[in-house]
């Protein structure tokens, strides 16, 4: 198992005290959220597709669409995609 050292400001350390036994879980949850945010930013800028965003975020395409809408990002749909979804 890998180990690392992280410097945390004193005022934040007090907040983390209640979670000291679960810091690994918090780190992984934070990593997951960062990946989702990065994927959504790239998608919003038009640099990647929903499919690629899903790969980056580690989610399904449907989950990425849900996350995008939660952040106020409207998915870009082609007419073909709309027709495919309707059938």
PDB file of N, CA and C in Angstrom:
ATOM      1  N   UNK A   1       0.846  -1.173   0.000  1.00  0.00           N
ATOM      2  CA  UNK A   1       0.000   0.000   0.000  1.00  0.00           C
ATOM      3  C   UNK A   1       0.890   1.233   0.000  1.00  0.00           C
ATOM      4  N   UNK A   2       0.542   2.205  -0.823  1.00  0.00           N
ATOM      5  CA  UNK A   2       1.312   3.439  -0.916  1.00  0.00           C
ATOM      6  C   UNK A   2       0.968   4.384   0.226  1.00  0.00           C
ATOM      7  N   UNK A   3       1.956   5.192   0.586  1.00  0.00           N
ATOM      8  CA  UNK A   3       1.756   6.210   1.617  1.00  0.00           C
ATOM      9  C   UNK A   3       2.204   7.543   1.059  1.00  0.00           C
ATOM     10  N   UNK A   4       1.546   8.586   1.514  1.00  0.00           N
ATOM     11  CA  UNK A   4       1.930   9.928   1.113  1.00  0.00           C
ATOM     12  C   UNK A   4       1.678  10.879   2.273  1.00  0.00           C
ATOM     13  N   UNK A   5       2.275  12.044   2.199  1.00  0.00           N
ATOM     14  CA  UNK A   5       2.083  13.069   3.217  1.00  0.00           C
ATOM     15  C   UNK A   5       1.352  14.236   2.574  1.00  0.00           C
ATOM     16  N   UNK A   6       0.345  14.739   3.294  1.00  0.00           N
ATOM     17  CA  UNK A   6      -0.446  15.860   2.796  1.00  0.00           C
ATOM     18  C   UNK A   6      -0.447  16.953   3.843  1.00  0.00           C
ATOM     19  N   UNK A   7      -0.199  18.180   3.405  1.00  0.00           N
ATOM     20  CA  UNK A   7      -0.271  19.308   4.322  1.00  0.00           C
ATOM     21  C   UNK A   7      -1.667  19.901   4.254  1.00  0.00           C
ATOM     22  N   UNK A   8      -2.282  20.044   5.426  1.00  0.00           N
ATOM     23  CA  UNK A   8      -3.650  20.547   5.520  1.00  0.00           C
ATOM     24  C   UNK A   8      -3.639  21.745   6.473  1.00  0.00           C
ATOM     25  N   UNK A   9      -4.248  22.862   6.049  1.00  0.00           N
ATOM     26  CA  UNK A   9      -4.306  24.024   6.940  1.00  0.00           C
ATOM     27  C   UNK A   9      -4.988  23.665   8.268  1.00  0.00           C
ATOM     28  N   UNK A  10      -4.551  24.289   9.335  1.00  0.00           N
ATOM     29  CA  UNK A  10      -5.088  23.983  10.664  1.00  0.00           C
ATOM     30  C   UNK A  10      -6.600  24.119  10.727  1.00  0.00           C
ATOM     31  N   UNK A  11      -7.150  25.163  10.108  1.00  0.00           N
ATOM     32  CA  UNK A  11      -8.594  25.366  10.189  1.00  0.00           C
ATOM     33  C   UNK A  11      -9.373  24.258   9.475  1.00  0.00           C
ATOM     34  N   UNK A  12      -8.790  23.640   8.481  1.00  0.00           N
ATOM     35  CA  UNK A  12      -9.438  22.515   7.802  1.00  0.00           C
ATOM     36  C   UNK A  12      -9.233  21.217   8.572  1.00  0.00           C
ATOM     37  N   UNK A  13      -8.139  21.114   9.269  1.00  0.00           N
ATOM     38  CA  UNK A  13      -7.866  19.908  10.042  1.00  0.00           C
ATOM     39  C   UNK A  13      -8.927  19.692  11.111  1.00  0.00           C
ATOM     40  N   UNK A  14      -9.407  20.781  11.696  1.00  0.00           N
ATOM     41  CA  UNK A  14     -10.467  20.671  12.695  1.00  0.00           C
ATOM     42  C   UNK A  14     -11.726  20.065  12.074  1.00  0.00           C
ATOM     43  N   UNK A  15     -12.036  20.436  10.840  1.00  0.00           N
ATOM     44  CA  UNK A  15     -13.198  19.872  10.140  1.00  0.00           C
ATOM     45  C   UNK A  15     -13.003  18.386   9.850  1.00  0.00           C
ATOM     46  N   UNK A  16     -11.785  18.003   9.558  1.00  0.00           N
ATOM     47  CA  UNK A  16     -11.497  16.618   9.219  1.00  0.00           C
ATOM     48  C   UNK A  16     -11.426  15.695  10.431  1.00  0.00           C
ATOM     49  N   UNK A  17     -11.309  16.259  11.597  1.00  0.00           N
ATOM     50  CA  UNK A  17     -11.145  15.450  12.805  1.00  0.00           C
ATOM     51  C   UNK A  17     -12.236  14.390  12.946  1.00  0.00           C
ATOM     52  N   UNK A  18     -13.460  14.745  12.648  1.00  0.00           N
ATOM     53  CA  UNK A  18     -14.570  13.791  12.781  1.00  0.00           C
ATOM     54  C   UNK A  18     -14.454  12.642  11.774  1.00  0.00           C
ATOM     55  N   UNK A  19     -13.676  12.823  10.725  1.00  0.00           N
ATOM     56  CA  UNK A  19     -13.542  11.823   9.665  1.00  0.00           C
ATOM     57  C   UNK A  19     -12.164  11.168   9.649  1.00  0.00           C
ATOM     58  N   UNK A  20     -11.388  11.335  10.683  1.00  0.00           N
ATOM     59  CA  UNK A  20      -9.997  10.882  10.652  1.00  0.00           C
ATOM     60  C   UNK A  20      -9.856   9.389  10.366  1.00  0.00           C
ATOM     61  N   UNK A  21     -10.851   8.593  10.727  1.00  0.00           N
ATOM     62  CA  UNK A  21     -10.792   7.159  10.449  1.00  0.00           C
ATOM     63  C   UNK A  21     -11.194   6.825   9.015  1.00  0.00           C
ATOM     64  N   UNK A  22     -11.674   7.816   8.285  1.00  0.00           N
ATOM     65  CA  UNK A  22     -12.161   7.579   6.921  1.00  0.00           C
ATOM     66  C   UNK A  22     -11.496   8.503   5.904  1.00  0.00           C
ATOM     67  N   UNK A  23     -10.298   8.966   6.180  1.00  0.00           N
ATOM     68  CA  UNK A  23      -9.622   9.892   5.279  1.00  0.00           C
ATOM     69  C   UNK A  23      -9.363   9.280   3.905  1.00  0.00           C
ATOM     70  N   UNK A  24      -9.088   7.990   3.858  1.00  0.00           N
ATOM     71  CA  UNK A  24      -8.888   7.318   2.568  1.00  0.00           C
ATOM     72  C   UNK A  24     -10.148   7.370   1.732  1.00  0.00           C
ATOM     73  N   UNK A  25     -11.292   7.126   2.367  1.00  0.00           N
ATOM     74  CA  UNK A  25     -12.572   7.200   1.654  1.00  0.00           C
ATOM     75  C   UNK A  25     -12.837   8.619   1.155  1.00  0.00           C
ATOM     76  N   UNK A  26     -12.536   9.603   1.999  1.00  0.00           N
ATOM     77  CA  UNK A  26     -12.733  10.997   1.597  1.00  0.00           C
ATOM     78  C   UNK A  26     -11.865  11.361   0.400  1.00  0.00           C
ATOM     79  N   UNK A  27     -10.639  10.885   0.400  1.00  0.00           N
ATOM     80  CA  UNK A  27      -9.730  11.160  -0.704  1.00  0.00           C
ATOM     81  C   UNK A  27     -10.246  10.545  -2.001  1.00  0.00           C
ATOM     82  N   UNK A  28     -10.707   9.309  -1.931  1.00  0.00           N
ATOM     83  CA  UNK A  28     -11.235   8.650  -3.132  1.00  0.00           C
ATOM     84  C   UNK A  28     -12.516   9.309  -3.617  1.00  0.00           C
ATOM     85  N   UNK A  29     -13.378   9.728  -2.701  1.00  0.00           N
ATOM     86  CA  UNK A  29     -14.595  10.433  -3.084  1.00  0.00           C
ATOM     87  C   UNK A  29     -14.254  11.752  -3.760  1.00  0.00           C
ATOM     88  N   UNK A  30     -13.292  12.462  -3.200  1.00  0.00           N
ATOM     89  CA  UNK A  30     -12.847  13.716  -3.800  1.00  0.00           C
ATOM     90  C   UNK A  30     -12.265  13.503  -5.185  1.00  0.00           C
ATOM     91  N   UNK A  31     -11.485  12.445  -5.355  1.00  0.00           N
ATOM     92  CA  UNK A  31     -10.922  12.126  -6.660  1.00  0.00           C
ATOM     93  C   UNK A  31     -12.029  11.862  -7.673  1.00  0.00           C
ATOM     94  N   UNK A  32     -13.032  11.125  -7.257  1.00  0.00           N
ATOM     95  CA  UNK A  32     -14.169  10.835  -8.132  1.00  0.00           C
ATOM     96  C   UNK A  32     -14.856  12.126  -8.563  1.00  0.00           C
ATOM     97  N   UNK A  33     -15.067  13.032  -7.630  1.00  0.00           N
ATOM     98  CA  UNK A  33     -15.723  14.302  -7.947  1.00  0.00           C
ATOM     99  C   UNK A  33     -14.874  15.169  -8.873  1.00  0.00           C
ATOM    100  N   UNK A  34     -13.571  15.173  -8.667  1.00  0.00           N
ATOM    101  CA  UNK A  34     -12.674  15.944  -9.527  1.00  0.00           C
ATOM    102  C   UNK A  34     -12.720  15.398 -10.959  1.00  0.00           C
ATOM    103  N   UNK A  35     -12.727  14.072 -11.096  1.00  0.00           N
ATOM    104  CA  UNK A  35     -12.793  13.468 -12.432  1.00  0.00           C
ATOM    105  C   UNK A  35     -14.096  13.839 -13.126  1.00  0.00           C
ATOM    106  N   UNK A  36     -15.198  13.843 -12.391  1.00  0.00           N
ATOM    107  CA  UNK A  36     -16.489  14.220 -12.972  1.00  0.00           C
ATOM    108  C   UNK A  36     -16.456  15.678 -13.413  1.00  0.00           C
ATOM    109  N   UNK A  37     -15.953  16.554 -12.563  1.00  0.00           N
ATOM    110  CA  UNK A  37     -15.888  17.977 -12.905  1.00  0.00           C
ATOM    111  C   UNK A  37     -14.997  18.228 -14.113  1.00  0.00           C
ATOM    112  N   UNK A  38     -13.860  17.549 -14.177  1.00  0.00           N
ATOM    113  CA  UNK A  38     -12.964  17.717 -15.324  1.00  0.00           C
ATOM    114  C   UNK A  38     -13.629  17.243 -16.608  1.00  0.00           C
ATOM    115  N   UNK A  39     -14.295  16.096 -16.538  1.00  0.00           N
ATOM    116  CA  UNK A  39     -14.979  15.557 -17.717  1.00  0.00           C
ATOM    117  C   UNK A  39     -16.077  16.499 -18.180  1.00  0.00           C
ATOM    118  N   UNK A  40     -16.849  17.048 -17.242  1.00  0.00           N
ATOM    119  CA  UNK A  40     -17.922  17.967 -17.605  1.00  0.00           C
ATOM    120  C   UNK A  40     -17.381  19.268 -18.182  1.00  0.00           C
ATOM    121  N   UNK A  41     -16.274  19.748 -17.669  1.00  0.00           N
ATOM    122  CA  UNK A  41     -15.672  20.968 -18.208  1.00  0.00           C
ATOM    123  C   UNK A  41     -15.218  20.755 -19.654  1.00  0.00           C
ATOM    124  N   UNK A  42     -14.571  19.629 -19.901  1.00  0.00           N
ATOM    125  CA  UNK A  42     -14.128  19.329 -21.274  1.00  0.00           C
ATOM    126  C   UNK A  42     -15.329  19.175 -22.202  1.00  0.00           C
ATOM    127  N   UNK A  43     -16.387  18.539 -21.718  1.00  0.00           N
ATOM    128  CA  UNK A  43     -17.596  18.372 -22.519  1.00  0.00           C
ATOM    129  C   UNK A  43     -18.247  19.729 -22.796  1.00  0.00           C
ATOM    130  N   UNK A  44     -18.347  20.550 -21.770  1.00  0.00           N
ATOM    131  CA  UNK A  44     -18.963  21.875 -21.921  1.00  0.00           C
ATOM    132  C   UNK A  44     -18.218  22.719 -22.946  1.00  0.00           C
ATOM    133  N   UNK A  45     -16.915  22.589 -22.982  1.00  0.00           N
ATOM    134  CA  UNK A  45     -16.097  23.340 -23.937  1.00  0.00           C
ATOM    135  C   UNK A  45     -16.160  22.751 -25.349  1.00  0.00           C
ATOM    136  N   UNK A  46     -16.830  21.611 -25.481  1.00  0.00           N
ATOM    137  CA  UNK A  46     -16.963  20.983 -26.801  1.00  0.00           C
ATOM    138  C   UNK A  46     -15.735  20.200 -27.223  1.00  0.00           C
ATOM    139  N   UNK A  47     -14.870  19.872 -26.274  1.00  0.00           N
ATOM    140  CA  UNK A  47     -13.630  19.182 -26.607  1.00  0.00           C
ATOM    141  C   UNK A  47     -13.773  17.667 -26.632  1.00  0.00           C
ATOM    142  N   UNK A  48     -14.796  17.149 -25.959  1.00  0.00           N
ATOM    143  CA  UNK A  48     -15.017  15.710 -25.922  1.00  0.00           C
ATOM    144  C   UNK A  48     -16.507  15.410 -26.017  1.00  0.00           C
ATOM    145  N   UNK A  49     -16.820  14.168 -26.314  1.00  0.00           N
ATOM    146  CA  UNK A  49     -18.205  13.706 -26.400  1.00  0.00           C
ATOM    147  C   UNK A  49     -18.692  13.239 -25.028  1.00  0.00           C
ATOM    148  N   UNK A  50     -19.992  12.988 -24.952  1.00  0.00           N
ATOM    149  CA  UNK A  50     -20.561  12.421 -23.727  1.00  0.00           C
ATOM    150  C   UNK A  50     -19.899  11.074 -23.425  1.00  0.00           C
ATOM    151  N   UNK A  51     -19.675  10.272 -24.460  1.00  0.00           N
ATOM    152  CA  UNK A  51     -19.046   8.967 -24.274  1.00  0.00           C
ATOM    153  C   UNK A  51     -17.653   9.083 -23.673  1.00  0.00           C
ATOM    154  N   UNK A  52     -16.875  10.007 -24.185  1.00  0.00           N
ATOM    155  CA  UNK A  52     -15.517  10.207 -23.662  1.00  0.00           C
ATOM    156  C   UNK A  52     -15.584  10.769 -22.244  1.00  0.00           C
ATOM    157  N   UNK A  53     -16.526  11.673 -21.997  1.00  0.00           N
ATOM    158  CA  UNK A  53     -16.700  12.224 -20.651  1.00  0.00           C
ATOM    159  C   UNK A  53     -17.022  11.104 -19.668  1.00  0.00           C
ATOM    160  N   UNK A  54     -17.847  10.157 -20.099  1.00  0.00           N
ATOM    161  CA  UNK A  54     -18.197   9.019 -19.244  1.00  0.00           C
ATOM    162  C   UNK A  54     -16.954   8.195 -18.925  1.00  0.00           C
ATOM    163  N   UNK A  55     -16.105   7.982 -19.920  1.00  0.00           N
ATOM    164  CA  UNK A  55     -14.867   7.225 -19.697  1.00  0.00           C
ATOM    165  C   UNK A  55     -13.975   7.935 -18.678  1.00  0.00           C
ATOM    166  N   UNK A  56     -13.808   9.236 -18.843  1.00  0.00           N
ATOM    167  CA  UNK A  56     -12.947  10.007 -17.939  1.00  0.00           C
ATOM    168  C   UNK A  56     -13.500   9.995 -16.517  1.00  0.00           C
ATOM    169  N   UNK A  57     -14.816  10.172 -16.411  1.00  0.00           N
ATOM    170  CA  UNK A  57     -15.452  10.262 -15.092  1.00  0.00           C
ATOM    171  C   UNK A  57     -15.660   8.903 -14.439  1.00  0.00           C
ATOM    172  N   UNK A  58     -15.567   7.837 -15.223  1.00  0.00           N
ATOM    173  CA  UNK A  58     -15.822   6.512 -14.676  1.00  0.00           C
ATOM    174  C   UNK A  58     -17.296   6.257 -14.421  1.00  0.00           C
ATOM    175  N   UNK A  59     -18.138   6.866 -15.256  1.00  0.00           N
ATOM    176  CA  UNK A  59     -19.588   6.741 -15.137  1.00  0.00           C
ATOM    177  C   UNK A  59     -20.177   6.229 -16.449  1.00  0.00           C
ATOM    178  N   UNK A  60     -21.459   5.900 -16.424  1.00  0.00           N
ATOM    179  CA  UNK A  60     -22.155   5.579 -17.663  1.00  0.00           C
ATOM    180  C   UNK A  60     -22.510   6.894 -18.369  1.00  0.00           C
ATOM    181  N   UNK A  61     -22.847   6.811 -19.634  1.00  0.00           N
ATOM    182  CA  UNK A  61     -23.258   8.013 -20.361  1.00  0.00           C
ATOM    183  C   UNK A  61     -24.494   8.637 -19.720  1.00  0.00           C
ATOM    184  N   UNK A  62     -25.434   7.812 -19.296  1.00  0.00           N
ATOM    185  CA  UNK A  62     -26.648   8.326 -18.653  1.00  0.00           C
ATOM    186  C   UNK A  62     -26.293   9.073 -17.363  1.00  0.00           C
ATOM    187  N   UNK A  63     -25.363   8.530 -16.592  1.00  0.00           N
ATOM    188  CA  UNK A  63     -24.949   9.204 -15.359  1.00  0.00           C
ATOM    189  C   UNK A  63     -24.268  10.538 -15.652  1.00  0.00           C
ATOM    190  N   UNK A  64     -23.493  10.590 -16.734  1.00  0.00           N
ATOM    191  CA  UNK A  64     -22.840  11.847 -17.111  1.00  0.00           C
ATOM    192  C   UNK A  64     -23.887  12.880 -17.521  1.00  0.00           C
ATOM    193  N   UNK A  65     -24.892  12.457 -18.269  1.00  0.00           N
ATOM    194  CA  UNK A  65     -25.967  13.380 -18.646  1.00  0.00           C
ATOM    195  C   UNK A  65     -26.653  13.914 -17.395  1.00  0.00           C
ATOM    196  N   UNK A  66     -26.914  13.052 -16.430  1.00  0.00           N
ATOM    197  CA  UNK A  66     -27.542  13.489 -15.177  1.00  0.00           C
ATOM    198  C   UNK A  66     -26.646  14.483 -14.440  1.00  0.00           C
ATOM    199  N   UNK A  67     -25.359  14.190 -14.372  1.00  0.00           N
ATOM    200  CA  UNK A  67     -24.420  15.097 -13.716  1.00  0.00           C
ATOM    201  C   UNK A  67     -24.346  16.430 -14.461  1.00  0.00           C
ATOM    202  N   UNK A  68     -24.323  16.361 -15.793  1.00  0.00           N
ATOM    203  CA  UNK A  68     -24.271  17.581 -16.600  1.00  0.00           C
ATOM    204  C   UNK A  68     -25.480  18.459 -16.300  1.00  0.00           C
ATOM    205  N   UNK A  69     -26.645  17.867 -16.300  1.00  0.00           N
ATOM    206  CA  UNK A  69     -27.863  18.644 -16.013  1.00  0.00           C
ATOM    207  C   UNK A  69     -27.828  19.217 -14.605  1.00  0.00           C
ATOM    208  N   UNK A  70     -27.295  18.465 -13.649  1.00  0.00           N
ATOM    209  CA  UNK A  70     -27.197  18.948 -12.267  1.00  0.00           C
ATOM    210  C   UNK A  70     -26.305  20.187 -12.177  1.00  0.00           C
ATOM    211  N   UNK A  71     -25.323  20.274 -13.081  1.00  0.00           N
ATOM    212  CA  UNK A  71     -24.419  21.424 -13.112  1.00  0.00           C
ATOM    213  C   UNK A  71     -24.858  22.481 -14.120  1.00  0.00           C
ATOM    214  N   UNK A  72     -26.078  22.321 -14.659  1.00  0.00           N
ATOM    215  CA  UNK A  72     -26.620  23.307 -15.594  1.00  0.00           C
ATOM    216  C   UNK A  72     -26.050  23.220 -16.988  1.00  0.00           C
ATOM    217  N   UNK A  73     -25.485  22.085 -17.338  1.00  0.00           N
ATOM    218  CA  UNK A  73     -24.916  21.883 -18.676  1.00  0.00           C
ATOM    219  C   UNK A  73     -25.913  21.075 -19.495  1.00  0.00           C
ATOM    220  N   UNK A  74     -26.361  21.639 -20.599  1.00  0.00           N
ATOM    221  CA  UNK A  74     -27.299  20.943 -21.461  1.00  0.00           C
ATOM    222  C   UNK A  74     -26.528  20.065 -22.447  1.00  0.00           C
ATOM    223  N   UNK A  75     -26.860  18.783 -22.508  1.00  0.00           N
ATOM    224  CA  UNK A  75     -26.175  17.899 -23.456  1.00  0.00           C
ATOM    225  C   UNK A  75     -26.399  18.358 -24.900  1.00  0.00           C
ATOM    226  N   UNK A  76     -25.380  18.195 -25.708  1.00  0.00           N
ATOM    227  CA  UNK A  76     -25.476  18.496 -27.136  1.00  0.00           C
ATOM    228  C   UNK A  76     -25.951  17.229 -27.838  1.00  0.00           C
ATOM    229  N   UNK A  77     -27.066  17.321 -28.513  1.00  0.00           N
ATOM    230  CA  UNK A  77     -27.617  16.159 -29.207  1.00  0.00           C
ATOM    231  C   UNK A  77     -27.729  16.451 -30.685  1.00  0.00           C
ATOM    232  N   UNK A  78     -27.315  15.506 -31.489  1.00  0.00           N
ATOM    233  CA  UNK A  78     -27.542  15.625 -32.926  1.00  0.00           C
ATOM    234  C   UNK A  78     -28.950  15.128 -33.215  1.00  0.00           C
ATOM    235  N   UNK A  79     -29.484  15.452 -34.372  1.00  0.00           N
ATOM    236  CA  UNK A  79     -30.817  14.994 -34.759  1.00  0.00           C
ATOM    237  C   UNK A  79     -30.868  13.463 -34.779  1.00  0.00           C
ATOM    238  N   UNK A  80     -29.796  12.826 -35.221  1.00  0.00           N
ATOM    239  CA  UNK A  80     -29.741  11.365 -35.263  1.00  0.00           C
ATOM    240  C   UNK A  80     -29.830  10.781 -33.855  1.00  0.00           C
ATOM    241  N   UNK A  81     -29.151  11.412 -32.908  1.00  0.00           N
ATOM    242  CA  UNK A  81     -29.197  10.924 -31.521  1.00  0.00           C
ATOM    243  C   UNK A  81     -30.606  11.066 -30.946  1.00  0.00           C
ATOM    244  N   UNK A  82     -31.254  12.171 -31.254  1.00  0.00           N
ATOM    245  CA  UNK A  82     -32.618  12.383 -30.767  1.00  0.00           C
ATOM    246  C   UNK A  82     -33.542  11.306 -31.318  1.00  0.00           C
ATOM    247  N   UNK A  83     -33.444  11.038 -32.602  1.00  0.00           N
ATOM    248  CA  UNK A  83     -34.285  10.029 -33.222  1.00  0.00           C
ATOM    249  C   UNK A  83     -33.990   8.648 -32.649  1.00  0.00           C
ATOM    250  N   UNK A  84     -32.738   8.359 -32.406  1.00  0.00           N
ATOM    251  CA  UNK A  84     -32.351   7.062 -31.818  1.00  0.00           C
ATOM    252  C   UNK A  84     -32.936   6.908 -30.421  1.00  0.00           C
ATOM    253  N   UNK A  85     -32.922   7.977 -29.633  1.00  0.00           N
ATOM    254  CA  UNK A  85     -33.474   7.929 -28.283  1.00  0.00           C
ATOM    255  C   UNK A  85     -34.988   7.752 -28.298  1.00  0.00           C
ATOM    256  N   UNK A  86     -35.641   8.293 -29.317  1.00  0.00           N
ATOM    257  CA  UNK A  86     -37.103   8.213 -29.393  1.00  0.00           C
ATOM    258  C   UNK A  86     -37.610   6.870 -29.882  1.00  0.00           C
ATOM    259  N   UNK A  87     -36.762   6.084 -30.532  1.00  0.00           N
ATOM    260  CA  UNK A  87     -37.199   4.793 -31.052  1.00  0.00           C
ATOM    261  C   UNK A  87     -36.798   3.653 -30.147  1.00  0.00           C
TER     262      UNK A  87
END
